PDB file of N, CA and C in Angstrom:
ATOM      1  N   MET A   1       0.835  -1.181   0.000  1.00  0.00           N
ATOM      2  CA  MET A   1       0.000   0.000   0.000  1.00  0.00           C
ATOM      3  C   MET A   1       0.879   1.243   0.000  1.00  0.00           C
ATOM      4  N   ALA A   2       0.630   2.139  -0.912  1.00  0.00           N
ATOM      5  CA  ALA A   2       1.428   3.348  -1.028  1.00  0.00           C
ATOM      6  C   ALA A   2       0.939   4.396  -0.035  1.00  0.00           C
ATOM      7  N   ALA A   3       1.870   4.978   0.694  1.00  0.00           N
ATOM      8  CA  ALA A   3       1.527   6.025   1.659  1.00  0.00           C
ATOM      9  C   ALA A   3       1.600   7.379   0.965  1.00  0.00           C
ATOM     10  N   THR A   4       0.699   8.254   1.328  1.00  0.00           N
ATOM     11  CA  THR A   4       0.716   9.603   0.799  1.00  0.00           C
ATOM     12  C   THR A   4       1.670  10.448   1.631  1.00  0.00           C
ATOM     13  N   ILE A   5       2.538  11.168   0.958  1.00  0.00           N
ATOM     14  CA  ILE A   5       3.486  12.046   1.624  1.00  0.00           C
ATOM     15  C   ILE A   5       3.021  13.487   1.419  1.00  0.00           C
ATOM     16  N   LEU A   6       2.890  14.197   2.527  1.00  0.00           N
ATOM     17  CA  LEU A   6       2.448  15.591   2.477  1.00  0.00           C
ATOM     18  C   LEU A   6       3.645  16.516   2.601  1.00  0.00           C
ATOM     19  N   ARG A   7       3.660  17.565   1.794  1.00  0.00           N
ATOM     20  CA  ARG A   7       4.722  18.563   1.876  1.00  0.00           C
ATOM     21  C   ARG A   7       4.378  19.578   2.959  1.00  0.00           C
ATOM     22  N   LEU A   8       5.346  20.390   3.337  1.00  0.00           N
ATOM     23  CA  LEU A   8       5.224  21.306   4.464  1.00  0.00           C
ATOM     24  C   LEU A   8       4.004  22.229   4.401  1.00  0.00           C
ATOM     25  N   PRO A   9       3.730  22.908   3.300  1.00  0.00           N
ATOM     26  CA  PRO A   9       2.563  23.806   3.303  1.00  0.00           C
ATOM     27  C   PRO A   9       1.253  23.088   3.636  1.00  0.00           C
ATOM     28  N   THR A  10       1.100  21.874   3.160  1.00  0.00           N
ATOM     29  CA  THR A  10      -0.108  21.097   3.439  1.00  0.00           C
ATOM     30  C   THR A  10      -0.164  20.695   4.905  1.00  0.00           C
ATOM     31  N   VAL A  11       0.966  20.303   5.459  1.00  0.00           N
ATOM     32  CA  VAL A  11       1.023  19.912   6.871  1.00  0.00           C
ATOM     33  C   VAL A  11       0.712  21.117   7.766  1.00  0.00           C
ATOM     34  N   LEU A  12       1.302  22.259   7.442  1.00  0.00           N
ATOM     35  CA  LEU A  12       1.047  23.460   8.241  1.00  0.00           C
ATOM     36  C   LEU A  12      -0.421  23.849   8.184  1.00  0.00           C
ATOM     37  N   SER A  13      -1.014  23.734   7.027  1.00  0.00           N
ATOM     38  CA  SER A  13      -2.430  24.051   6.867  1.00  0.00           C
ATOM     39  C   SER A  13      -3.303  23.089   7.674  1.00  0.00           C
ATOM     40  N   ALA A  14      -2.968  21.810   7.632  1.00  0.00           N
ATOM     41  CA  ALA A  14      -3.739  20.806   8.360  1.00  0.00           C
ATOM     42  C   ALA A  14      -3.622  20.998   9.868  1.00  0.00           C
ATOM     43  N   ARG A  15      -2.471  21.459  10.313  1.00  0.00           N
ATOM     44  CA  ARG A  15      -2.227  21.628  11.747  1.00  0.00           C
ATOM     45  C   ARG A  15      -2.644  22.987  12.260  1.00  0.00           C
ATOM     46  N   GLY A  16      -2.703  23.984  11.385  1.00  0.00           N
ATOM     47  CA  GLY A  16      -2.999  25.337  11.833  1.00  0.00           C
ATOM     48  C   GLY A  16      -1.857  25.945  12.623  1.00  0.00           C
ATOM     49  N   ARG A  17      -0.638  25.569  12.271  1.00  0.00           N
ATOM     50  CA  ARG A  17       0.552  26.042  12.974  1.00  0.00           C
ATOM     51  C   ARG A  17       1.461  26.785  12.006  1.00  0.00           C
ATOM     52  N   SER A  18       2.305  27.653  12.559  1.00  0.00           N
ATOM     53  CA  SER A  18       3.303  28.328  11.748  1.00  0.00           C
ATOM     54  C   SER A  18       4.478  27.386  11.509  1.00  0.00           C
ATOM     55  N   ARG A  19       5.316  27.746  10.564  1.00  0.00           N
ATOM     56  CA  ARG A  19       6.495  26.936  10.253  1.00  0.00           C
ATOM     57  C   ARG A  19       7.405  26.804  11.480  1.00  0.00           C
ATOM     58  N   SER A  20       7.667  27.920  12.160  1.00  0.00           N
ATOM     59  CA  SER A  20       8.565  27.872  13.324  1.00  0.00           C
ATOM     60  C   SER A  20       7.964  27.047  14.462  1.00  0.00           C
ATOM     61  N   SER A  21       6.655  27.168  14.683  1.00  0.00           N
ATOM     62  CA  SER A  21       6.001  26.370  15.726  1.00  0.00           C
ATOM     63  C   SER A  21       6.030  24.884  15.378  1.00  0.00           C
ATOM     64  N   HIS A  22       5.867  24.581  14.099  1.00  0.00           N
ATOM     65  CA  HIS A  22       5.895  23.184  13.648  1.00  0.00           C
ATOM     66  C   HIS A  22       7.264  22.556  13.942  1.00  0.00           C
ATOM     67  N   TYR A  23       8.330  23.259  13.566  1.00  0.00           N
ATOM     68  CA  TYR A  23       9.662  22.703  13.792  1.00  0.00           C
ATOM     69  C   TYR A  23      10.022  22.679  15.284  1.00  0.00           C
ATOM     70  N   LEU A  24       9.473  23.606  16.067  1.00  0.00           N
ATOM     71  CA  LEU A  24       9.661  23.557  17.521  1.00  0.00           C
ATOM     72  C   LEU A  24       8.977  22.316  18.090  1.00  0.00           C
ATOM     73  N   ASP A  25       7.787  22.006  17.588  1.00  0.00           N
ATOM     74  CA  ASP A  25       7.090  20.788  18.015  1.00  0.00           C
ATOM     75  C   ASP A  25       7.926  19.547  17.714  1.00  0.00           C
ATOM     76  N   ILE A  26       8.578  19.523  16.572  1.00  0.00           N
ATOM     77  CA  ILE A  26       9.438  18.383  16.217  1.00  0.00           C
ATOM     78  C   ILE A  26      10.587  18.275  17.219  1.00  0.00           C
ATOM     79  N   GLN A  27      11.224  19.399  17.542  1.00  0.00           N
ATOM     80  CA  GLN A  27      12.332  19.394  18.504  1.00  0.00           C
ATOM     81  C   GLN A  27      11.878  18.922  19.879  1.00  0.00           C
ATOM     82  N   GLN A  28      10.650  19.239  20.247  1.00  0.00           N
ATOM     83  CA  GLN A  28      10.142  18.878  21.564  1.00  0.00           C
ATOM     84  C   GLN A  28       9.490  17.499  21.590  1.00  0.00           C
ATOM     85  N   GLY A  29       9.524  16.795  20.460  1.00  0.00           N
ATOM     86  CA  GLY A  29       8.974  15.454  20.407  1.00  0.00           C
ATOM     87  C   GLY A  29       7.463  15.411  20.286  1.00  0.00           C
ATOM     88  N   LEU A  30       6.857  16.525  19.870  1.00  0.00           N
ATOM     89  CA  LEU A  30       5.411  16.606  19.754  1.00  0.00           C
ATOM     90  C   LEU A  30       4.920  16.392  18.327  1.00  0.00           C
ATOM     91  N   PHE A  31       5.833  16.145  17.407  1.00  0.00           N
ATOM     92  CA  PHE A  31       5.485  15.843  16.028  1.00  0.00           C
ATOM     93  C   PHE A  31       6.627  15.032  15.419  1.00  0.00           C
ATOM     94  N   THR A  32       6.276  14.181  14.487  1.00  0.00           N
ATOM     95  CA  THR A  32       7.295  13.329  13.864  1.00  0.00           C
ATOM     96  C   THR A  32       8.216  14.157  12.967  1.00  0.00           C
ATOM     97  N   PRO A  33       9.474  13.772  12.882  1.00  0.00           N
ATOM     98  CA  PRO A  33      10.380  14.458  11.957  1.00  0.00           C
ATOM     99  C   PRO A  33      10.024  14.093  10.516  1.00  0.00           C
ATOM    100  N   PRO A  34      10.455  14.910   9.572  1.00  0.00           N
ATOM    101  CA  PRO A  34      10.133  14.626   8.172  1.00  0.00           C
ATOM    102  C   PRO A  34      10.908  13.424   7.638  1.00  0.00           C
ATOM    103  N   VAL A  35      10.404  12.899   6.537  1.00  0.00           N
ATOM    104  CA  VAL A  35      11.111  11.843   5.816  1.00  0.00           C
ATOM    105  C   VAL A  35      11.690  12.456   4.550  1.00  0.00           C
ATOM    106  N   GLN A  36      12.843  11.980   4.165  1.00  0.00           N
ATOM    107  CA  GLN A  36      13.511  12.458   2.961  1.00  0.00           C
ATOM    108  C   GLN A  36      12.817  11.853   1.741  1.00  0.00           C
ATOM    109  N   ILE A  37      12.379  12.694   0.814  1.00  0.00           N
ATOM    110  CA  ILE A  37      11.724  12.180  -0.395  1.00  0.00           C
ATOM    111  C   ILE A  37      12.488  12.558  -1.655  1.00  0.00           C
ATOM    112  N   GLY A  38      13.582  13.249  -1.478  1.00  0.00           N
ATOM    113  CA  GLY A  38      14.435  13.643  -2.591  1.00  0.00           C
ATOM    114  C   GLY A  38      15.713  14.234  -2.027  1.00  0.00           C
ATOM    115  N   LEU A  39      16.590  14.687  -2.887  1.00  0.00           N
ATOM    116  CA  LEU A  39      17.847  15.254  -2.411  1.00  0.00           C
ATOM    117  C   LEU A  39      17.624  16.475  -1.527  1.00  0.00           C
ATOM    118  N   ARG A  40      16.658  17.298  -1.921  1.00  0.00           N
ATOM    119  CA  ARG A  40      16.389  18.518  -1.152  1.00  0.00           C
ATOM    120  C   ARG A  40      14.905  18.654  -0.824  1.00  0.00           C
ATOM    121  N   ALA A  41      14.242  17.542  -0.651  1.00  0.00           N
ATOM    122  CA  ALA A  41      12.802  17.574  -0.394  1.00  0.00           C
ATOM    123  C   ALA A  41      12.441  16.627   0.744  1.00  0.00           C
ATOM    124  N   VAL A  42      11.565  17.105   1.613  1.00  0.00           N
ATOM    125  CA  VAL A  42      11.071  16.284   2.719  1.00  0.00           C
ATOM    126  C   VAL A  42       9.554  16.367   2.764  1.00  0.00           C
ATOM    127  N   GLY A  43       8.971  15.439   3.484  1.00  0.00           N
ATOM    128  CA  GLY A  43       7.528  15.434   3.670  1.00  0.00           C
ATOM    129  C   GLY A  43       7.168  14.588   4.875  1.00  0.00           C
ATOM    130  N   TRP A  44       5.872  14.505   5.151  1.00  0.00           N
ATOM    131  CA  TRP A  44       5.378  13.741   6.293  1.00  0.00           C
ATOM    132  C   TRP A  44       4.311  12.778   5.816  1.00  0.00           C
ATOM    133  N   PRO A  45       4.341  11.532   6.276  1.00  0.00           N
ATOM    134  CA  PRO A  45       3.284  10.590   5.923  1.00  0.00           C
ATOM    135  C   PRO A  45       1.926  11.121   6.390  1.00  0.00           C
ATOM    136  N   ALA A  46       0.948  11.089   5.499  1.00  0.00           N
ATOM    137  CA  ALA A  46      -0.377  11.630   5.791  1.00  0.00           C
ATOM    138  C   ALA A  46      -1.018  10.951   6.991  1.00  0.00           C
ATOM    139  N   ASP A  47      -0.789   9.649   7.147  1.00  0.00           N
ATOM    140  CA  ASP A  47      -1.406   8.950   8.283  1.00  0.00           C
ATOM    141  C   ASP A  47      -0.833   9.416   9.615  1.00  0.00           C
ATOM    142  N   GLU A  48       0.448   9.797   9.654  1.00  0.00           N
ATOM    143  CA  GLU A  48       1.037  10.319  10.884  1.00  0.00           C
ATOM    144  C   GLU A  48       0.454  11.682  11.237  1.00  0.00           C
ATOM    145  N   VAL A  49       0.308  12.530  10.235  1.00  0.00           N
ATOM    146  CA  VAL A  49      -0.275  13.853  10.448  1.00  0.00           C
ATOM    147  C   VAL A  49      -1.698  13.699  10.990  1.00  0.00           C
ATOM    148  N   ALA A  50      -2.461  12.807  10.381  1.00  0.00           N
ATOM    149  CA  ALA A  50      -3.848  12.579  10.803  1.00  0.00           C
ATOM    150  C   ALA A  50      -3.909  12.030  12.227  1.00  0.00           C
ATOM    151  N   ALA A  51      -3.011  11.117  12.568  1.00  0.00           N
ATOM    152  CA  ALA A  51      -3.012  10.511  13.910  1.00  0.00           C
ATOM    153  C   ALA A  51      -2.696  11.554  14.983  1.00  0.00           C
ATOM    154  N   ILE A  52      -1.718  12.397  14.714  1.00  0.00           N
ATOM    155  CA  ILE A  52      -1.342  13.419  15.692  1.00  0.00           C
ATOM    156  C   ILE A  52      -2.450  14.458  15.821  1.00  0.00           C
ATOM    157  N   ASN A  53      -3.039  14.860  14.698  1.00  0.00           N
ATOM    158  CA  ASN A  53      -4.148  15.815  14.748  1.00  0.00           C
ATOM    159  C   ASN A  53      -5.332  15.228  15.515  1.00  0.00           C
ATOM    160  N   ALA A  54      -5.623  13.960  15.298  1.00  0.00           N
ATOM    161  CA  ALA A  54      -6.734  13.309  15.995  1.00  0.00           C
ATOM    162  C   ALA A  54      -6.475  13.271  17.503  1.00  0.00           C
ATOM    163  N   ALA A  55      -5.233  13.023  17.889  1.00  0.00           N
ATOM    164  CA  ALA A  55      -4.892  12.998  19.310  1.00  0.00           C
ATOM    165  C   ALA A  55      -5.064  14.381  19.925  1.00  0.00           C
ATOM    166  N   ARG A  56      -4.664  15.404  19.202  1.00  0.00           N
ATOM    167  CA  ARG A  56      -4.841  16.785  19.677  1.00  0.00           C
ATOM    168  C   ARG A  56      -6.325  17.110  19.830  1.00  0.00           C
ATOM    169  N   ILE A  57      -7.114  16.737  18.827  1.00  0.00           N
ATOM    170  CA  ILE A  57      -8.552  16.991  18.868  1.00  0.00           C
ATOM    171  C   ILE A  57      -9.185  16.265  20.051  1.00  0.00           C
ATOM    172  N   ALA A  58      -8.690  15.069  20.358  1.00  0.00           N
ATOM    173  CA  ALA A  58      -9.215  14.283  21.477  1.00  0.00           C
ATOM    174  C   ALA A  58      -8.776  14.840  22.831  1.00  0.00           C
ATOM    175  N   GLY A  59      -7.926  15.866  22.809  1.00  0.00           N
ATOM    176  CA  GLY A  59      -7.515  16.498  24.058  1.00  0.00           C
ATOM    177  C   GLY A  59      -6.372  15.820  24.775  1.00  0.00           C
ATOM    178  N   LYS A  60      -5.592  15.031  24.055  1.00  0.00           N
ATOM    179  CA  LYS A  60      -4.455  14.354  24.679  1.00  0.00           C
ATOM    180  C   LYS A  60      -3.419  15.375  25.156  1.00  0.00           C
ATOM    181  N   ALA A  61      -2.797  15.093  26.273  1.00  0.00           N
ATOM    182  CA  ALA A  61      -1.766  15.958  26.840  1.00  0.00           C
ATOM    183  C   ALA A  61      -0.432  15.718  26.122  1.00  0.00           C
ATOM    184  N   ASP A  62       0.494  16.655  26.305  1.00  0.00           N
ATOM    185  CA  ASP A  62       1.797  16.560  25.643  1.00  0.00           C
ATOM    186  C   ASP A  62       2.520  15.234  25.902  1.00  0.00           C
ATOM    187  N   PRO A  63       2.540  14.701  27.128  1.00  0.00           N
ATOM    188  CA  PRO A  63       3.217  13.413  27.323  1.00  0.00           C
ATOM    189  C   PRO A  63       2.594  12.290  26.489  1.00  0.00           C
ATOM    190  N   GLU A  64       1.277  12.312  26.342  1.00  0.00           N
ATOM    191  CA  GLU A  64       0.604  11.298  25.523  1.00  0.00           C
ATOM    192  C   GLU A  64       0.934  11.477  24.046  1.00  0.00           C
ATOM    193  N   ILE A  65       1.056  12.736  23.618  1.00  0.00           N
ATOM    194  CA  ILE A  65       1.423  13.014  22.227  1.00  0.00           C
ATOM    195  C   ILE A  65       2.847  12.529  21.972  1.00  0.00           C
ATOM    196  N   ARG A  66       3.744  12.761  22.927  1.00  0.00           N
ATOM    197  CA  ARG A  66       5.133  12.299  22.768  1.00  0.00           C
ATOM    198  C   ARG A  66       5.190  10.778  22.629  1.00  0.00           C
ATOM    199  N   THR A  67       4.375  10.082  23.402  1.00  0.00           N
ATOM    200  CA  THR A  67       4.311   8.625  23.307  1.00  0.00           C
ATOM    201  C   THR A  67       3.818   8.203  21.933  1.00  0.00           C
ATOM    202  N   LEU A  68       2.787   8.875  21.441  1.00  0.00           N
ATOM    203  CA  LEU A  68       2.259   8.585  20.105  1.00  0.00           C
ATOM    204  C   LEU A  68       3.319   8.828  19.040  1.00  0.00           C
ATOM    205  N   VAL A  69       4.026   9.946  19.137  1.00  0.00           N
ATOM    206  CA  VAL A  69       5.071  10.273  18.166  1.00  0.00           C
ATOM    207  C   VAL A  69       6.157   9.197  18.177  1.00  0.00           C
ATOM    208  N   ALA A  70       6.555   8.751  19.346  1.00  0.00           N
ATOM    209  CA  ALA A  70       7.569   7.690  19.441  1.00  0.00           C
ATOM    210  C   ALA A  70       7.087   6.410  18.771  1.00  0.00           C
ATOM    211  N   LYS A  71       5.809   6.068  18.969  1.00  0.00           N
ATOM    212  CA  LYS A  71       5.254   4.865  18.328  1.00  0.00           C
ATOM    213  C   LYS A  71       5.220   5.018  16.811  1.00  0.00           C
ATOM    214  N   LEU A  72       4.848   6.203  16.342  1.00  0.00           N
ATOM    215  CA  LEU A  72       4.799   6.432  14.892  1.00  0.00           C
ATOM    216  C   LEU A  72       6.197   6.319  14.270  1.00  0.00           C
ATOM    217  N   GLU A  73       7.187   6.861  14.955  1.00  0.00           N
ATOM    218  CA  GLU A  73       8.562   6.763  14.459  1.00  0.00           C
ATOM    219  C   GLU A  73       9.045   5.319  14.460  1.00  0.00           C
ATOM    220  N   ALA A  74       8.683   4.565  15.490  1.00  0.00           N
ATOM    221  CA  ALA A  74       9.069   3.147  15.548  1.00  0.00           C
ATOM    222  C   ALA A  74       8.395   2.367  14.409  1.00  0.00           C
ATOM    223  N   ASN A  75       7.167   2.718  14.084  1.00  0.00           N
ATOM    224  CA  ASN A  75       6.465   2.057  12.979  1.00  0.00           C
ATOM    225  C   ASN A  75       7.136   2.294  11.643  1.00  0.00           C
ATOM    226  N   ARG A  76       7.770   3.446  11.481  1.00  0.00           N
ATOM    227  CA  ARG A  76       8.502   3.729  10.242  1.00  0.00           C
ATOM    228  C   ARG A  76       9.604   2.693  10.038  1.00  0.00           C
ATOM    229  N   LYS A  77      10.294   2.353  11.102  1.00  0.00           N
ATOM    230  CA  LYS A  77      11.395   1.393  11.004  1.00  0.00           C
ATOM    231  C   LYS A  77      10.890  -0.006  10.693  1.00  0.00           C
ATOM    232  N   ASN A  78       9.674  -0.318  11.147  1.00  0.00           N
ATOM    233  CA  ASN A  78       9.102  -1.631  10.906  1.00  0.00           C
ATOM    234  C   ASN A  78       8.547  -1.776   9.502  1.00  0.00           C
ATOM    235  N   CYS A  79       8.354  -0.657   8.799  1.00  0.00           N
ATOM    236  CA  CYS A  79       7.791  -0.694   7.443  1.00  0.00           C
ATOM    237  C   CYS A  79       8.822  -1.136   6.414  1.00  0.00           C
ATOM    238  N   LEU A  80      10.079  -1.073   6.762  1.00  0.00           N
ATOM    239  CA  LEU A  80      11.123  -1.428   5.800  1.00  0.00           C
ATOM    240  C   LEU A  80      11.103  -2.878   5.613  1.00  0.00           C
TER     241      LEU A  80
END
């Protein structure tokens, strides 16, 4: 099954966050880091963006979001 990769403008729009806030969230473990899709291009799997947004909508606290992000990153390694 092919995963959809979203580029930064789409991710920012879906999250309602600024670019700097988005990258701060990544540094703080509140969002997954991007995946390399080209020499100078990155993106985020659409299912990860949706999962994190759903957790936020459900009112999950930051520690719960960090746990979710860790699980999503671990799943990336299992997909290979």
